[in-house]
Protein backbone atom coordinates (compact mmCIF):
# COMPACT_ATOMS: atom_id res chain seq x y z
CA UNK A 1 0.00 0.00 0.00
CA UNK A 2 1.61 3.28 -1.15
CA UNK A 3 -1.08 5.72 -0.03
CA UNK A 4 -3.82 5.78 2.56
CA UNK A 5 -6.40 8.51 2.18
CA UNK A 6 -9.78 6.72 2.07
CA UNK A 7 -11.58 3.44 2.66
CA UNK A 8 -10.84 2.09 -0.83
CA UNK A 9 -7.11 2.02 -0.06
CA UNK A 10 -7.73 -0.79 2.42
CA UNK A 11 -9.21 -3.13 -0.18
CA UNK A 12 -11.39 -5.83 1.41
CA UNK A 13 -12.76 -4.03 4.48
CA UNK A 14 -13.63 -7.19 6.40
CA UNK A 15 -10.11 -8.47 5.89
CA UNK A 16 -8.67 -5.14 7.05
CA UNK A 17 -10.72 -5.21 10.27
CA UNK A 18 -9.74 -8.83 10.90
CA UNK A 19 -6.08 -7.91 10.39
CA UNK A 20 -6.43 -4.97 12.79
CA UNK A 21 -7.90 -7.19 15.49
CA UNK A 22 -4.99 -9.61 15.04
CA UNK A 23 -2.56 -6.70 15.37
CA UNK A 24 -4.32 -5.68 18.58
CA UNK A 25 -3.79 -9.14 20.09
CA UNK A 26 -0.02 -8.79 19.74
CA UNK A 27 1.16 -5.28 18.92
CA UNK A 28 4.81 -6.31 18.75
CA UNK A 29 4.47 -9.37 16.52
CA UNK A 30 5.62 -7.43 13.43
CA UNK A 31 8.45 -5.47 15.05
CA UNK A 32 10.99 -6.79 12.56
CA UNK A 33 9.14 -5.06 9.70
CA UNK A 34 10.20 -1.62 10.88
CA UNK A 35 13.76 -2.38 11.89
CA UNK A 36 16.08 0.34 10.51
CA UNK A 37 13.07 2.12 8.97
CA UNK A 38 11.99 5.67 9.81
CA UNK A 39 8.50 7.14 10.13
CA UNK A 40 8.17 10.90 9.68
CA UNK A 41 5.01 12.57 10.93
CA UNK A 42 4.42 16.09 9.61
CA UNK A 43 1.92 18.29 11.43
CA UNK A 44 0.53 21.47 9.94
CA UNK A 45 -2.11 21.42 12.72
CA UNK A 46 -2.25 20.49 16.39
CA UNK A 47 -2.87 16.98 17.63
CA UNK A 48 -3.10 14.80 20.72
CA UNK A 49 -4.52 11.36 19.82
CA UNK A 50 -3.16 11.32 16.27
CA UNK A 51 0.37 12.24 17.31
CA UNK A 52 0.61 9.86 20.25
CA UNK A 53 -1.21 6.91 18.66
CA UNK A 54 0.67 7.08 15.37
CA UNK A 55 4.05 7.48 17.02
CA UNK A 56 3.25 4.52 19.28
CA UNK A 57 2.15 2.48 16.26
CA UNK A 58 5.46 3.12 14.51
CA UNK A 59 7.37 2.18 17.64
CA UNK A 60 5.35 -1.03 18.00
CA UNK A 61 6.57 -1.93 14.50
CA UNK A 62 10.20 -1.29 15.41
CA UNK A 63 10.49 2.00 13.53
CA UNK A 64 12.44 5.11 14.33
CA UNK A 65 9.91 7.94 14.59
CA UNK A 66 10.38 11.66 13.89
CA UNK A 67 7.82 14.41 14.42
CA UNK A 68 7.93 17.73 12.58
CA UNK A 69 5.59 20.51 13.69
CA UNK A 70 5.52 22.99 10.82
CA UNK A 71 4.29 25.76 13.11
CA UNK A 72 6.98 25.29 15.76
CA UNK A 73 10.65 24.72 15.08
CA UNK A 74 10.44 24.67 11.28
CA UNK A 75 10.54 27.27 8.52
CA UNK A 76 7.15 28.61 7.53
CA UNK A 77 6.23 26.93 4.26
CA UNK A 78 4.77 28.47 1.15
CA UNK A 79 2.33 26.06 -0.49
CA UNK A 80 1.28 27.96 -3.62
CA UNK A 81 3.09 28.11 -6.96
CA UNK A 82 3.92 31.43 -8.59
CA UNK A 83 4.09 33.38 -5.35
CA UNK A 84 6.78 36.03 -4.89
CA UNK A 85 8.20 34.86 -1.58
CA UNK A 86 8.84 38.25 0.00
CA UNK A 87 6.74 37.59 3.12
CA UNK A 88 7.27 35.54 6.27
CA UNK A 89 7.47 32.16 4.51
CA UNK A 90 11.11 31.20 3.99
CA UNK A 91 10.82 27.85 2.21
CA UNK A 92 8.61 26.40 -0.48
CA UNK A 93 6.88 23.12 0.11
CA UNK A 94 8.14 21.84 -3.27
CA UNK A 95 11.71 21.85 -1.94
CA UNK A 96 10.79 20.87 1.59
CA UNK A 97 8.83 17.72 0.64
CA UNK A 98 11.59 15.88 -1.27
CA UNK A 99 14.06 16.85 1.47
CA UNK A 100 11.73 15.32 4.07
CA UNK A 101 11.37 12.23 1.89
CA UNK A 102 15.14 11.77 1.81
CA UNK A 103 15.23 11.33 5.59
CA UNK A 104 12.54 8.68 6.03
CA UNK A 105 10.75 5.64 4.63
CA UNK A 106 7.10 6.51 5.30
CA UNK A 107 5.40 9.89 5.83
CA UNK A 108 2.21 10.76 7.69
CA UNK A 109 0.69 14.21 7.01
CA UNK A 110 -1.85 16.23 8.99
CA UNK A 111 -3.22 19.34 7.25
CA UNK A 112 -6.70 20.67 7.96
CA UNK A 113 -9.15 22.54 5.76
CA UNK A 114 -8.49 26.27 5.67
CA UNK A 115 -12.09 27.28 4.83
CA UNK A 116 -10.69 29.97 2.54
CA UNK A 117 -11.33 28.21 -0.74
CA UNK A 118 -13.57 25.16 -1.06
CA UNK A 119 -11.93 24.00 -4.29
CA UNK A 120 -8.45 24.12 -2.71
CA UNK A 121 -9.62 22.22 0.36
CA UNK A 122 -11.38 19.50 -1.61
CA UNK A 123 -8.43 19.07 -3.96
CA UNK A 124 -6.30 18.20 -0.90
CA UNK A 125 -3.41 20.30 -2.22
CA UNK A 126 -0.98 19.75 0.66
CA UNK A 127 -1.57 16.01 1.07
CA UNK A 128 -1.39 15.38 -2.66
CA UNK A 129 1.86 17.32 -2.99
CA UNK A 130 3.42 14.98 -0.43
CA UNK A 131 2.13 11.99 -2.40
CA UNK A 132 3.46 13.44 -5.66
CA UNK A 133 6.86 14.80 -4.59
CA UNK A 134 8.10 12.87 -1.54
CA UNK A 135 8.90 9.62 -3.35
CA UNK A 136 7.71 7.71 -0.26
CA UNK A 137 4.48 6.03 0.89
CA UNK A 138 2.19 8.67 2.40
CA UNK A 139 -0.80 8.33 4.70
CA UNK A 140 -3.27 10.92 5.93
CA UNK A 141 -3.28 11.79 9.63
CA UNK A 142 -6.31 14.01 8.85
CA UNK A 143 -6.54 16.11 5.77
CA UNK A 144 -8.86 18.86 4.61
CA UNK A 145 -11.65 16.47 3.65
CA UNK A 146 -10.98 13.17 5.40
CA UNK A 147 -9.65 11.46 8.52
CA UNK A 148 -9.29 7.82 7.47
CA UNK A 149 -7.25 6.70 10.51
CA UNK A 150 -10.07 7.87 12.77
CA UNK A 151 -12.76 6.22 10.66
CA UNK A 152 -10.85 2.94 10.56
CA UNK A 153 -10.55 3.04 14.36
CA UNK A 154 -14.28 3.80 14.58
CA UNK A 155 -15.11 0.73 12.49
CA UNK A 156 -12.80 -1.48 14.57
CA UNK A 157 -14.59 -0.23 17.70
CA UNK A 158 -18.03 -0.91 16.26
CA UNK A 159 -16.93 -4.42 15.33
CA UNK A 160 -15.79 -5.03 18.90
CA UNK A 161 -18.93 -3.68 20.58
CA UNK A 162 -21.76 -4.59 18.22
CA UNK A 163 -24.49 -6.86 19.60
CA UNK A 164 -26.24 -7.56 16.31
CA UNK A 165 -24.83 -8.70 12.98
CA UNK A 166 -25.95 -5.52 11.22
CA UNK A 167 -26.21 -2.68 13.76
CA UNK A 168 -27.90 0.65 13.14
CA UNK A 169 -25.26 3.39 13.18
CA UNK A 170 -26.31 7.04 13.33
CA UNK A 171 -24.00 9.96 12.57
CA UNK A 172 -25.55 13.04 14.15
CA UNK A 173 -24.54 16.67 13.78
CA UNK A 174 -24.28 18.54 17.08
CA UNK A 175 -23.68 22.22 17.92
CA UNK A 176 -20.23 23.74 18.38
CA UNK A 177 -18.97 27.30 18.95
CA UNK A 178 -16.45 27.15 16.07
CA UNK A 179 -16.64 26.16 12.42
CA UNK A 180 -15.19 22.65 12.11
CA UNK A 181 -14.09 20.81 8.94
CA UNK A 182 -16.09 17.99 7.38
CA UNK A 183 -13.09 15.61 7.50
CA UNK A 184 -14.27 13.34 10.33
CA UNK A 185 -17.91 12.99 9.22
CA UNK A 186 -16.78 12.55 5.59
CA UNK A 187 -14.51 9.64 6.45
CA UNK A 188 -16.98 8.12 8.89
CA UNK A 189 -19.61 8.14 6.14
CA UNK A 190 -17.03 6.77 3.67
CA UNK A 191 -16.37 3.78 5.93
CA UNK A 192 -19.93 3.14 7.11
CA UNK A 193 -21.20 3.07 3.53
CA UNK A 194 -18.77 0.22 2.82
CA UNK A 195 -19.39 -1.63 6.09
CA UNK A 196 -22.26 -4.02 6.83
CA UNK A 197 -24.30 -1.57 8.92
CA UNK A 198 -27.61 0.27 8.68
CA UNK A 199 -26.24 3.79 8.31
CA UNK A 200 -28.18 7.01 8.86
CA UNK A 201 -26.93 10.62 8.81
CA UNK A 202 -28.92 13.28 10.63
CA UNK A 203 -28.33 17.03 10.64
CA UNK A 204 -30.22 20.33 10.33
CA UNK A 205 -31.12 21.65 6.90
CA UNK A 206 -28.10 23.19 5.20
CA UNK A 207 -25.53 20.82 6.65
CA UNK A 208 -25.53 18.22 3.89
CA UNK A 209 -22.12 16.64 3.32
CA UNK A 210 -20.40 16.12 -0.02
CA UNK A 211 -22.51 13.59 -1.98
CA UNK A 212 -19.43 11.50 -2.83
CA UNK A 213 -19.18 10.61 0.87
CA UNK A 214 -22.91 10.37 1.62
CA UNK A 215 -23.54 8.09 -1.37
CA UNK A 216 -26.53 5.83 -0.59
CA UNK A 217 -26.81 6.62 3.10
CA UNK A 218 -30.19 7.63 4.45
CA UNK A 219 -30.30 11.32 5.43
CA UNK A 220 -32.86 12.29 8.08
CA UNK A 221 -33.40 15.92 9.14
CA UNK A 222 -35.36 14.91 12.25
CA UNK A 223 -32.80 13.84 14.82
CA UNK A 224 -35.32 12.02 17.03
CA UNK A 225 -36.49 9.88 14.11
CA UNK A 226 -32.92 9.10 13.15
CA UNK A 227 -31.96 8.03 16.67
CA UNK A 228 -34.89 5.66 17.09
CA UNK A 229 -33.56 2.12 17.49
CA UNK A 230 -29.91 3.10 16.99
CA UNK A 231 -27.18 0.77 18.26
CA UNK A 232 -24.38 3.32 17.90
CA UNK A 233 -24.62 7.12 18.02
CA UNK A 234 -21.65 9.04 16.60
CA UNK A 235 -21.89 12.74 17.40
CA UNK A 236 -19.86 15.31 15.49
CA UNK A 237 -20.09 18.92 14.48
CA UNK A 238 -19.20 20.17 11.02
CA UNK A 239 -19.53 23.47 9.19
CA UNK A 240 -21.62 23.88 6.06
CA UNK A 241 -20.34 22.21 2.89
CA UNK A 242 -22.62 23.58 0.19
CA UNK A 243 -21.97 26.96 -1.45
CA UNK A 244 -22.40 29.83 -0.73
CA UNK A 245 -22.12 28.88 2.96
CA UNK A 246 -19.01 26.69 2.80
CA UNK A 247 -17.16 26.73 6.12
CA UNK A 248 -19.84 28.73 7.91
CA UNK A 249 -21.85 28.09 11.06
CA UNK A 250 -25.53 28.09 10.19
CA UNK A 251 -26.85 26.94 13.54
CA UNK A 252 -25.94 26.45 17.20
CA UNK A 253 -29.26 24.80 18.00
CA UNK A 254 -28.71 23.20 21.40
CA UNK A 255 -31.67 20.87 20.86
CA UNK A 256 -29.22 18.78 18.77
CA UNK A 257 -26.96 18.14 21.78
CA UNK A 258 -26.83 14.40 22.54
CA UNK A 259 -28.45 14.08 25.98
CA UNK A 260 -29.77 11.17 28.02
CA UNK A 261 -33.24 12.04 26.70
CA UNK A 262 -31.95 11.63 23.13
CA UNK A 263 -30.15 8.40 23.98
CA UNK A 264 -33.36 7.02 25.50
CA UNK A 265 -34.76 6.92 21.95
CA UNK A 266 -32.08 4.42 20.93
CA UNK A 267 -31.62 0.69 21.42
CA UNK A 268 -29.41 1.35 24.47
CA UNK A 269 -26.88 2.66 21.98
CA UNK A 270 -23.17 3.12 22.50
CA UNK A 271 -22.03 6.74 22.31
CA UNK A 272 -19.05 7.59 20.09
CA UNK A 273 -17.02 10.71 19.37
CA UNK A 274 -13.56 11.26 17.90
CA UNK A 275 -12.45 13.65 20.70
CA UNK A 276 -11.72 16.30 21.79
CA UNK A 277 -15.35 16.99 22.62
CA UNK A 278 -17.14 20.11 23.85
CA UNK A 279 -19.14 18.84 26.81
CA UNK A 280 -22.71 20.08 27.12
CA UNK A 281 -22.63 21.29 23.54
CA UNK A 282 -21.90 18.12 21.58
CA UNK A 283 -22.86 15.75 24.40
CA UNK A 284 -24.06 16.07 27.97
CA UNK A 285 -21.87 15.04 30.90
CA UNK A 286 -24.13 12.16 31.87
CA UNK A 287 -23.99 10.60 28.39
CA UNK A 288 -20.23 10.80 27.88
CA UNK A 289 -19.66 9.48 31.41
CA UNK A 290 -22.21 6.69 31.10
CA UNK A 291 -21.34 2.97 30.77
CA UNK A 292 -22.51 3.19 27.15
CA UNK A 293 -19.85 5.76 26.27
CA UNK A 294 -17.01 4.09 24.36
CA UNK A 295 -15.01 7.21 23.47
CA UNK A 296 -11.92 6.00 25.36
CA UNK A 297 -11.74 2.52 23.76
CA UNK A 298 -12.46 4.25 20.44
CA UNK A 299 -9.49 6.59 20.97
CA UNK A 300 -7.30 3.67 22.04
CA UNK A 301 -8.07 1.96 18.73
CA UNK A 302 -6.39 4.86 16.93
CA UNK A 303 -3.11 3.09 17.73
CA UNK A 304 -4.44 -0.08 16.10
CA UNK A 305 -5.74 1.57 12.93
CA UNK A 306 -2.46 3.44 12.48
CA UNK A 307 -0.39 0.33 13.11
CA UNK A 308 -2.36 -1.73 10.59
CA UNK A 309 -1.92 0.94 7.92
CA UNK A 310 1.81 1.42 8.60
CA UNK A 311 2.31 -2.37 8.70
CA UNK A 312 0.83 -2.66 5.22
CA UNK A 313 3.05 0.15 3.97
CA UNK A 314 6.14 -1.50 5.39
CA UNK A 315 5.17 -4.76 3.72
CA UNK A 316 5.02 -2.92 0.38
CA UNK A 317 8.52 -1.43 0.62
């Protein structure tokens, strides 16, 4: 596997989940794969789970790991062609990327949506430049439009906790004080549409996601109807996708907060969220602290999803 940016890169999804669960049983079984190999993780944006889980995954595989924070301790990078570089950016990404590639064997990249230009965000300019110019296998640690490591971890978690062969999984929008990218909900939808689940997306009018991620999923604008009978509830905020409101907050309707009253509509559902979470906006204290909250095991599985992806990349070298 040379790139990992979406669910299709994993091939057979059932086989990928099975492999991940085997990795989880013995995280050090493949340590020889990464011997004398180096993982470089490049962060254009802040991180907690992604940084720690991915670094741990590389170490589990015997790799040397390096972390580069572009905003601290590195030259500011220009990412656009044709720019007269007379500002505060000292280096162009087109020189920086091949230099980075010369120091490592695999690269992970984290670069969020800027919400300045929808076309630029959805073309994944930064991630794709690493794929094109680094000369090394590249995986996304969250990009402008997707977070496939998170979604893979989400699917692994659902597989571990499901009580029925084909559970009902609901992705629900929830209010947030800031405009957040569509990356997490996009990838969650991408994975759930390929998995053997009954998948429903619910959000207020105006918050429709990119159709290429929604695909055949049922979209319900009444949250209560969507939650009825759910086995898993995945709460997440995202800003508007459709023009002319791209990247904007259209609503902070607190009636969409996931509360115990909302969860009572479900089939004693498990609560999921990618973290970090705004308590009592996205979800109430009692729900996230309840026995049905699996946000911590879900976060722990980030190590497993990353390790499975990196393992496959090492096997392709």
